[in-house]
Structures are given as structure tokens and as C-alpha cells.
């Protein structure tokens, strides 16, 4: 990720940090927690999209499995 994007996440409070002088310090556990949350939300969204596609008859089980 780009530095400006990371700084925005920090400033928005999405990842915890503290300052040492003018430098931001981030704990690895906070970065990993953010990643885990982001991944969980991504999986949930993909599940919702798949359910919506199935409900509309747009999802082909064979195509999803590479058949």
C-alpha cells in the first residue's frame, strides 16, 4: 500500500499508532488486526455477491470450478 493511503488509515483511526517525535509508530499486531478485518469483510462481500448471483440465476457452478 502507498504511504499516503497508510497515513490516511492512521489519521482516520482505522489502525492504531503513536508518535515518537514527528514519526508515527505502528505495532505489527494492529496492522495484522486491520488486515484480518479487511479480509473478513472482503469474504463476506464476496459471499453476498455470490448469493445475489445465484438468486438471479447468473451463477454457474461448473464455471466457478473451472469445468
PDB file of N, CA and C in Angstrom:
ATOM      1  N   UNK A   1       0.836  -1.171   0.000  1.00  0.00           N
ATOM      2  CA  UNK A   1       0.000   0.000   0.000  1.00  0.00           C
ATOM      3  C   UNK A   1       0.879   1.231   0.000  1.00  0.00           C
ATOM      4  N   UNK A   2       0.352   2.301  -0.512  1.00  0.00           N
ATOM      5  CA  UNK A   2       1.139   3.525  -0.594  1.00  0.00           C
ATOM      6  C   UNK A   2       1.212   4.211   0.773  1.00  0.00           C
ATOM      7  N   UNK A   3       2.224   5.003   0.948  1.00  0.00           N
ATOM      8  CA  UNK A   3       2.390   5.751   2.188  1.00  0.00           C
ATOM      9  C   UNK A   3       1.208   6.687   2.442  1.00  0.00           C
ATOM     10  N   UNK A   4       0.743   7.457   1.434  1.00  0.00           N
ATOM     11  CA  UNK A   4      -0.403   8.335   1.684  1.00  0.00           C
ATOM     12  C   UNK A   4      -1.656   7.566   2.131  1.00  0.00           C
ATOM     13  N   UNK A   5      -1.869   6.383   1.547  1.00  0.00           N
ATOM     14  CA  UNK A   5      -3.035   5.580   1.939  1.00  0.00           C
ATOM     15  C   UNK A   5      -2.890   5.110   3.389  1.00  0.00           C
ATOM     16  N   UNK A   6      -1.699   4.664   3.753  1.00  0.00           N
ATOM     17  CA  UNK A   6      -1.452   4.239   5.131  1.00  0.00           C
ATOM     18  C   UNK A   6      -1.660   5.395   6.103  1.00  0.00           C
ATOM     19  N   UNK A   7      -1.127   6.552   5.779  1.00  0.00           N
ATOM     20  CA  UNK A   7      -1.284   7.725   6.654  1.00  0.00           C
ATOM     21  C   UNK A   7      -2.759   8.056   6.815  1.00  0.00           C
ATOM     22  N   UNK A   8      -3.535   7.942   5.730  1.00  0.00           N
ATOM     23  CA  UNK A   8      -4.974   8.212   5.820  1.00  0.00           C
ATOM     24  C   UNK A   8      -5.655   7.217   6.763  1.00  0.00           C
ATOM     25  N   UNK A   9      -5.296   5.930   6.663  1.00  0.00           N
ATOM     26  CA  UNK A   9      -5.864   4.926   7.569  1.00  0.00           C
ATOM     27  C   UNK A   9      -5.525   5.261   9.025  1.00  0.00           C
ATOM     28  N   UNK A  10      -4.310   5.695   9.256  1.00  0.00           N
ATOM     29  CA  UNK A  10      -3.889   6.055  10.609  1.00  0.00           C
ATOM     30  C   UNK A  10      -4.674   7.261  11.112  1.00  0.00           C
ATOM     31  N   UNK A  11      -4.763   8.294  10.290  1.00  0.00           N
ATOM     32  CA  UNK A  11      -5.443   9.523  10.692  1.00  0.00           C
ATOM     33  C   UNK A  11      -6.942   9.304  10.902  1.00  0.00           C
ATOM     34  N   UNK A  12      -7.530   8.370  10.158  1.00  0.00           N
ATOM     35  CA  UNK A  12      -8.955   8.048  10.311  1.00  0.00           C
ATOM     36  C   UNK A  12      -9.204   7.127  11.502  1.00  0.00           C
ATOM     37  N   UNK A  13      -8.136   6.662  12.145  1.00  0.00           N
ATOM     38  CA  UNK A  13      -8.285   5.797  13.304  1.00  0.00           C
ATOM     39  C   UNK A  13      -8.546   4.338  12.973  1.00  0.00           C
ATOM     40  N   UNK A  14      -8.353   3.946  11.735  1.00  0.00           N
ATOM     41  CA  UNK A  14      -8.596   2.557  11.340  1.00  0.00           C
ATOM     42  C   UNK A  14      -7.459   1.634  11.772  1.00  0.00           C
ATOM     43  N   UNK A  15      -6.277   2.194  11.960  1.00  0.00           N
ATOM     44  CA  UNK A  15      -5.132   1.472  12.504  1.00  0.00           C
ATOM     45  C   UNK A  15      -4.548   2.342  13.612  1.00  0.00           C
ATOM     46  N   UNK A  16      -4.345   1.737  14.761  1.00  0.00           N
ATOM     47  CA  UNK A  16      -3.790   2.484  15.898  1.00  0.00           C
ATOM     48  C   UNK A  16      -2.319   2.807  15.670  1.00  0.00           C
ATOM     49  N   UNK A  17      -1.883   3.929  16.217  1.00  0.00           N
ATOM     50  CA  UNK A  17      -0.476   4.307  16.150  1.00  0.00           C
ATOM     51  C   UNK A  17      -0.170   5.271  17.285  1.00  0.00           C
ATOM     52  N   UNK A  18       1.098   5.487  17.509  1.00  0.00           N
ATOM     53  CA  UNK A  18       1.518   6.524  18.457  1.00  0.00           C
ATOM     54  C   UNK A  18       2.686   7.260  17.815  1.00  0.00           C
ATOM     55  N   UNK A  19       2.977   8.412  18.335  1.00  0.00           N
ATOM     56  CA  UNK A  19       4.044   9.220  17.752  1.00  0.00           C
ATOM     57  C   UNK A  19       5.258   9.227  18.658  1.00  0.00           C
ATOM     58  N   UNK A  20       6.412   9.166  18.021  1.00  0.00           N
ATOM     59  CA  UNK A  20       7.692   9.332  18.684  1.00  0.00           C
ATOM     60  C   UNK A  20       8.337  10.508  17.953  1.00  0.00           C
ATOM     61  N   UNK A  21       8.300  11.653  18.574  1.00  0.00           N
ATOM     62  CA  UNK A  21       8.736  12.867  17.887  1.00  0.00           C
ATOM     63  C   UNK A  21       7.731  13.181  16.787  1.00  0.00           C
ATOM     64  N   UNK A  22       8.212  13.256  15.568  1.00  0.00           N
ATOM     65  CA  UNK A  22       7.315  13.514  14.436  1.00  0.00           C
ATOM     66  C   UNK A  22       6.981  12.242  13.657  1.00  0.00           C
ATOM     67  N   UNK A  23       7.500  11.103  14.119  1.00  0.00           N
ATOM     68  CA  UNK A  23       7.313   9.834  13.414  1.00  0.00           C
ATOM     69  C   UNK A  23       6.158   9.034  14.011  1.00  0.00           C
ATOM     70  N   UNK A  24       5.387   8.429  13.131  1.00  0.00           N
ATOM     71  CA  UNK A  24       4.300   7.547  13.573  1.00  0.00           C
ATOM     72  C   UNK A  24       4.875   6.149  13.778  1.00  0.00           C
ATOM     73  N   UNK A  25       4.452   5.516  14.854  1.00  0.00           N
ATOM     74  CA  UNK A  25       4.864   4.135  15.133  1.00  0.00           C
ATOM     75  C   UNK A  25       3.617   3.267  15.149  1.00  0.00           C
ATOM     76  N   UNK A  26       3.711   2.140  14.465  1.00  0.00           N
ATOM     77  CA  UNK A  26       2.582   1.222  14.349  1.00  0.00           C
ATOM     78  C   UNK A  26       3.027  -0.141  14.861  1.00  0.00           C
ATOM     79  N   UNK A  27       2.215  -0.738  15.710  1.00  0.00           N
ATOM     80  CA  UNK A  27       2.519  -2.090  16.177  1.00  0.00           C
ATOM     81  C   UNK A  27       2.073  -3.096  15.120  1.00  0.00           C
ATOM     82  N   UNK A  28       2.868  -4.144  14.931  1.00  0.00           N
ATOM     83  CA  UNK A  28       2.540  -5.188  13.974  1.00  0.00           C
ATOM     84  C   UNK A  28       1.177  -5.790  14.278  1.00  0.00           C
ATOM     85  N   UNK A  29       0.864  -5.989  15.545  1.00  0.00           N
ATOM     86  CA  UNK A  29      -0.427  -6.599  15.910  1.00  0.00           C
ATOM     87  C   UNK A  29      -1.597  -5.762  15.408  1.00  0.00           C
ATOM     88  N   UNK A  30      -1.442  -4.429  15.379  1.00  0.00           N
ATOM     89  CA  UNK A  30      -2.517  -3.560  14.895  1.00  0.00           C
ATOM     90  C   UNK A  30      -2.664  -3.650  13.380  1.00  0.00           C
ATOM     91  N   UNK A  31      -1.542  -3.765  12.681  1.00  0.00           N
ATOM     92  CA  UNK A  31      -1.585  -3.929  11.222  1.00  0.00           C
ATOM     93  C   UNK A  31      -2.224  -5.266  10.874  1.00  0.00           C
ATOM     94  N   UNK A  32      -1.844  -6.321  11.580  1.00  0.00           N
ATOM     95  CA  UNK A  32      -2.411  -7.646  11.315  1.00  0.00           C
ATOM     96  C   UNK A  32      -3.890  -7.698  11.658  1.00  0.00           C
ATOM     97  N   UNK A  33      -4.308  -7.005  12.708  1.00  0.00           N
ATOM     98  CA  UNK A  33      -5.727  -6.947  13.060  1.00  0.00           C
ATOM     99  C   UNK A  33      -6.515  -6.234  11.965  1.00  0.00           C
ATOM    100  N   UNK A  34      -5.966  -5.146  11.430  1.00  0.00           N
ATOM    101  CA  UNK A  34      -6.624  -4.431  10.334  1.00  0.00           C
ATOM    102  C   UNK A  34      -6.738  -5.341   9.114  1.00  0.00           C
ATOM    103  N   UNK A  35      -5.668  -6.054   8.788  1.00  0.00           N
ATOM    104  CA  UNK A  35      -5.672  -6.968   7.642  1.00  0.00           C
ATOM    105  C   UNK A  35      -6.720  -8.059   7.819  1.00  0.00           C
ATOM    106  N   UNK A  36      -6.800  -8.605   9.017  1.00  0.00           N
ATOM    107  CA  UNK A  36      -7.774  -9.661   9.295  1.00  0.00           C
ATOM    108  C   UNK A  36      -9.203  -9.137   9.126  1.00  0.00           C
ATOM    109  N   UNK A  37      -9.478  -7.945   9.634  1.00  0.00           N
ATOM    110  CA  UNK A  37     -10.797  -7.336   9.490  1.00  0.00           C
ATOM    111  C   UNK A  37     -11.108  -7.084   8.015  1.00  0.00           C
ATOM    112  N   UNK A  38     -10.143  -6.527   7.286  1.00  0.00           N
ATOM    113  CA  UNK A  38     -10.324  -6.246   5.858  1.00  0.00           C
ATOM    114  C   UNK A  38     -10.595  -7.534   5.084  1.00  0.00           C
ATOM    115  N   UNK A  39      -9.849  -8.587   5.375  1.00  0.00           N
ATOM    116  CA  UNK A  39     -10.035  -9.874   4.693  1.00  0.00           C
ATOM    117  C   UNK A  39     -11.403 -10.472   5.011  1.00  0.00           C
ATOM    118  N   UNK A  40     -11.820 -10.375   6.276  1.00  0.00           N
ATOM    119  CA  UNK A  40     -13.127 -10.912   6.669  1.00  0.00           C
ATOM    120  C   UNK A  40     -14.250 -10.170   5.937  1.00  0.00           C
ATOM    121  N   UNK A  41     -14.141  -8.838   5.869  1.00  0.00           N
ATOM    122  CA  UNK A  41     -15.166  -8.058   5.157  1.00  0.00           C
ATOM    123  C   UNK A  41     -15.189  -8.395   3.676  1.00  0.00           C
ATOM    124  N   UNK A  42     -14.021  -8.611   3.086  1.00  0.00           N
ATOM    125  CA  UNK A  42     -13.933  -8.976   1.669  1.00  0.00           C
ATOM    126  C   UNK A  42     -14.619 -10.317   1.420  1.00  0.00           C
ATOM    127  N   UNK A  43     -14.355 -11.303   2.277  1.00  0.00           N
ATOM    128  CA  UNK A  43     -15.000 -12.615   2.115  1.00  0.00           C
ATOM    129  C   UNK A  43     -16.510 -12.522   2.260  1.00  0.00           C
ATOM    130  N   UNK A  44     -16.983 -11.732   3.238  1.00  0.00           N
ATOM    131  CA  UNK A  44     -18.426 -11.568   3.434  1.00  0.00           C
ATOM    132  C   UNK A  44     -19.075 -10.923   2.208  1.00  0.00           C
ATOM    133  N   UNK A  45     -18.428  -9.924   1.646  1.00  0.00           N
ATOM    134  CA  UNK A  45     -18.957  -9.250   0.463  1.00  0.00           C
ATOM    135  C   UNK A  45     -19.011 -10.197  -0.717  1.00  0.00           C
ATOM    136  N   UNK A  46     -17.966 -11.006  -0.889  1.00  0.00           N
ATOM    137  CA  UNK A  46     -17.959 -11.974  -1.984  1.00  0.00           C
ATOM    138  C   UNK A  46     -19.067 -13.007  -1.816  1.00  0.00           C
ATOM    139  N   UNK A  47     -19.306 -13.448  -0.570  1.00  0.00           N
ATOM    140  CA  UNK A  47     -20.406 -14.384  -0.319  1.00  0.00           C
ATOM    141  C   UNK A  47     -21.752 -13.755  -0.683  1.00  0.00           C
ATOM    142  N   UNK A  48     -21.936 -12.497  -0.311  1.00  0.00           N
ATOM    143  CA  UNK A  48     -23.188 -11.800  -0.633  1.00  0.00           C
ATOM    144  C   UNK A  48     -23.369 -11.671  -2.148  1.00  0.00           C
ATOM    145  N   UNK A  49     -22.293 -11.346  -2.858  1.00  0.00           N
ATOM    146  CA  UNK A  49     -22.379 -11.244  -4.313  1.00  0.00           C
ATOM    147  C   UNK A  49     -22.713 -12.589  -4.950  1.00  0.00           C
ATOM    148  N   UNK A  50     -22.124 -13.647  -4.411  1.00  0.00           N
ATOM    149  CA  UNK A  50     -22.413 -14.973  -4.947  1.00  0.00           C
ATOM    150  C   UNK A  50     -23.872 -15.343  -4.704  1.00  0.00           C
ATOM    151  N   UNK A  51     -24.377 -15.068  -3.487  1.00  0.00           N
ATOM    152  CA  UNK A  51     -25.787 -15.361  -3.195  1.00  0.00           C
ATOM    153  C   UNK A  51     -26.711 -14.577  -4.121  1.00  0.00           C
ATOM    154  N   UNK A  52     -26.401 -13.309  -4.355  1.00  0.00           N
ATOM    155  CA  UNK A  52     -27.225 -12.487  -5.241  1.00  0.00           C
ATOM    156  C   UNK A  52     -27.183 -13.040  -6.669  1.00  0.00           C
ATOM    157  N   UNK A  53     -26.008 -13.447  -7.123  1.00  0.00           N
ATOM    158  CA  UNK A  53     -25.876 -14.021  -8.463  1.00  0.00           C
ATOM    159  C   UNK A  53     -26.664 -15.319  -8.583  1.00  0.00           C
ATOM    160  N   UNK A  54     -26.596 -16.154  -7.554  1.00  0.00           N
ATOM    161  CA  UNK A  54     -27.347 -17.407  -7.566  1.00  0.00           C
ATOM    162  C   UNK A  54     -28.847 -17.137  -7.602  1.00  0.00           C
ATOM    163  N   UNK A  55     -29.300 -16.161  -6.819  1.00  0.00           N
ATOM    164  CA  UNK A  55     -30.726 -15.833  -6.762  1.00  0.00           C
ATOM    165  C   UNK A  55     -31.232 -15.339  -8.118  1.00  0.00           C
ATOM    166  N   UNK A  56     -30.365 -14.668  -8.867  1.00  0.00           N
ATOM    167  CA  UNK A  56     -30.747 -14.156 -10.189  1.00  0.00           C
ATOM    168  C   UNK A  56     -30.500 -15.170 -11.297  1.00  0.00           C
ATOM    169  N   UNK A  57     -29.931 -16.319 -10.931  1.00  0.00           N
ATOM    170  CA  UNK A  57     -29.647 -17.353 -11.916  1.00  0.00           C
ATOM    171  C   UNK A  57     -28.428 -17.039 -12.766  1.00  0.00           C
ATOM    172  N   UNK A  58     -27.561 -16.164 -12.277  1.00  0.00           N
ATOM    173  CA  UNK A  58     -26.381 -15.768 -13.036  1.00  0.00           C
ATOM    174  C   UNK A  58     -25.149 -16.584 -12.691  1.00  0.00           C
ATOM    175  N   UNK A  59     -25.207 -17.350 -11.618  1.00  0.00           N
ATOM    176  CA  UNK A  59     -24.043 -18.085 -11.146  1.00  0.00           C
ATOM    177  C   UNK A  59     -24.061 -19.487 -11.721  1.00  0.00           C
ATOM    178  N   UNK A  60     -22.979 -19.878 -12.374  1.00  0.00           N
ATOM    179  CA  UNK A  60     -22.855 -21.203 -12.965  1.00  0.00           C
ATOM    180  C   UNK A  60     -21.831 -21.992 -12.153  1.00  0.00           C
ATOM    181  N   UNK A  61     -22.277 -22.983 -11.407  1.00  0.00           N
ATOM    182  CA  UNK A  61     -21.411 -23.763 -10.527  1.00  0.00           C
ATOM    183  C   UNK A  61     -20.250 -24.378 -11.292  1.00  0.00           C
ATOM    184  N   UNK A  62     -20.483 -24.910 -12.489  1.00  0.00           N
ATOM    185  CA  UNK A  62     -19.415 -25.527 -13.276  1.00  0.00           C
ATOM    186  C   UNK A  62     -18.355 -24.545 -13.691  1.00  0.00           C
ATOM    187  N   UNK A  63     -18.736 -23.344 -14.049  1.00  0.00           N
ATOM    188  CA  UNK A  63     -17.779 -22.328 -14.485  1.00  0.00           C
ATOM    189  C   UNK A  63     -16.911 -21.887 -13.314  1.00  0.00           C
ATOM    190  N   UNK A  64     -17.470 -21.839 -12.126  1.00  0.00           N
ATOM    191  CA  UNK A  64     -16.722 -21.410 -10.946  1.00  0.00           C
ATOM    192  C   UNK A  64     -15.654 -22.425 -10.578  1.00  0.00           C
ATOM    193  N   UNK A  65     -15.874 -23.676 -10.917  1.00  0.00           N
ATOM    194  CA  UNK A  65     -14.924 -24.725 -10.582  1.00  0.00           C
ATOM    195  C   UNK A  65     -13.952 -24.993 -11.722  1.00  0.00           C
ATOM    196  N   UNK A  66     -14.029 -24.209 -12.771  1.00  0.00           N
ATOM    197  CA  UNK A  66     -13.104 -24.373 -13.886  1.00  0.00           C
ATOM    198  C   UNK A  66     -13.468 -25.511 -14.820  1.00  0.00           C
ATOM    199  N   UNK A  67     -14.721 -25.962 -14.773  1.00  0.00           N
ATOM    200  CA  UNK A  67     -15.163 -27.071 -15.632  1.00  0.00           C
ATOM    201  C   UNK A  67     -15.582 -26.549 -16.981  1.00  0.00           C
TER     202      UNK A  67
END
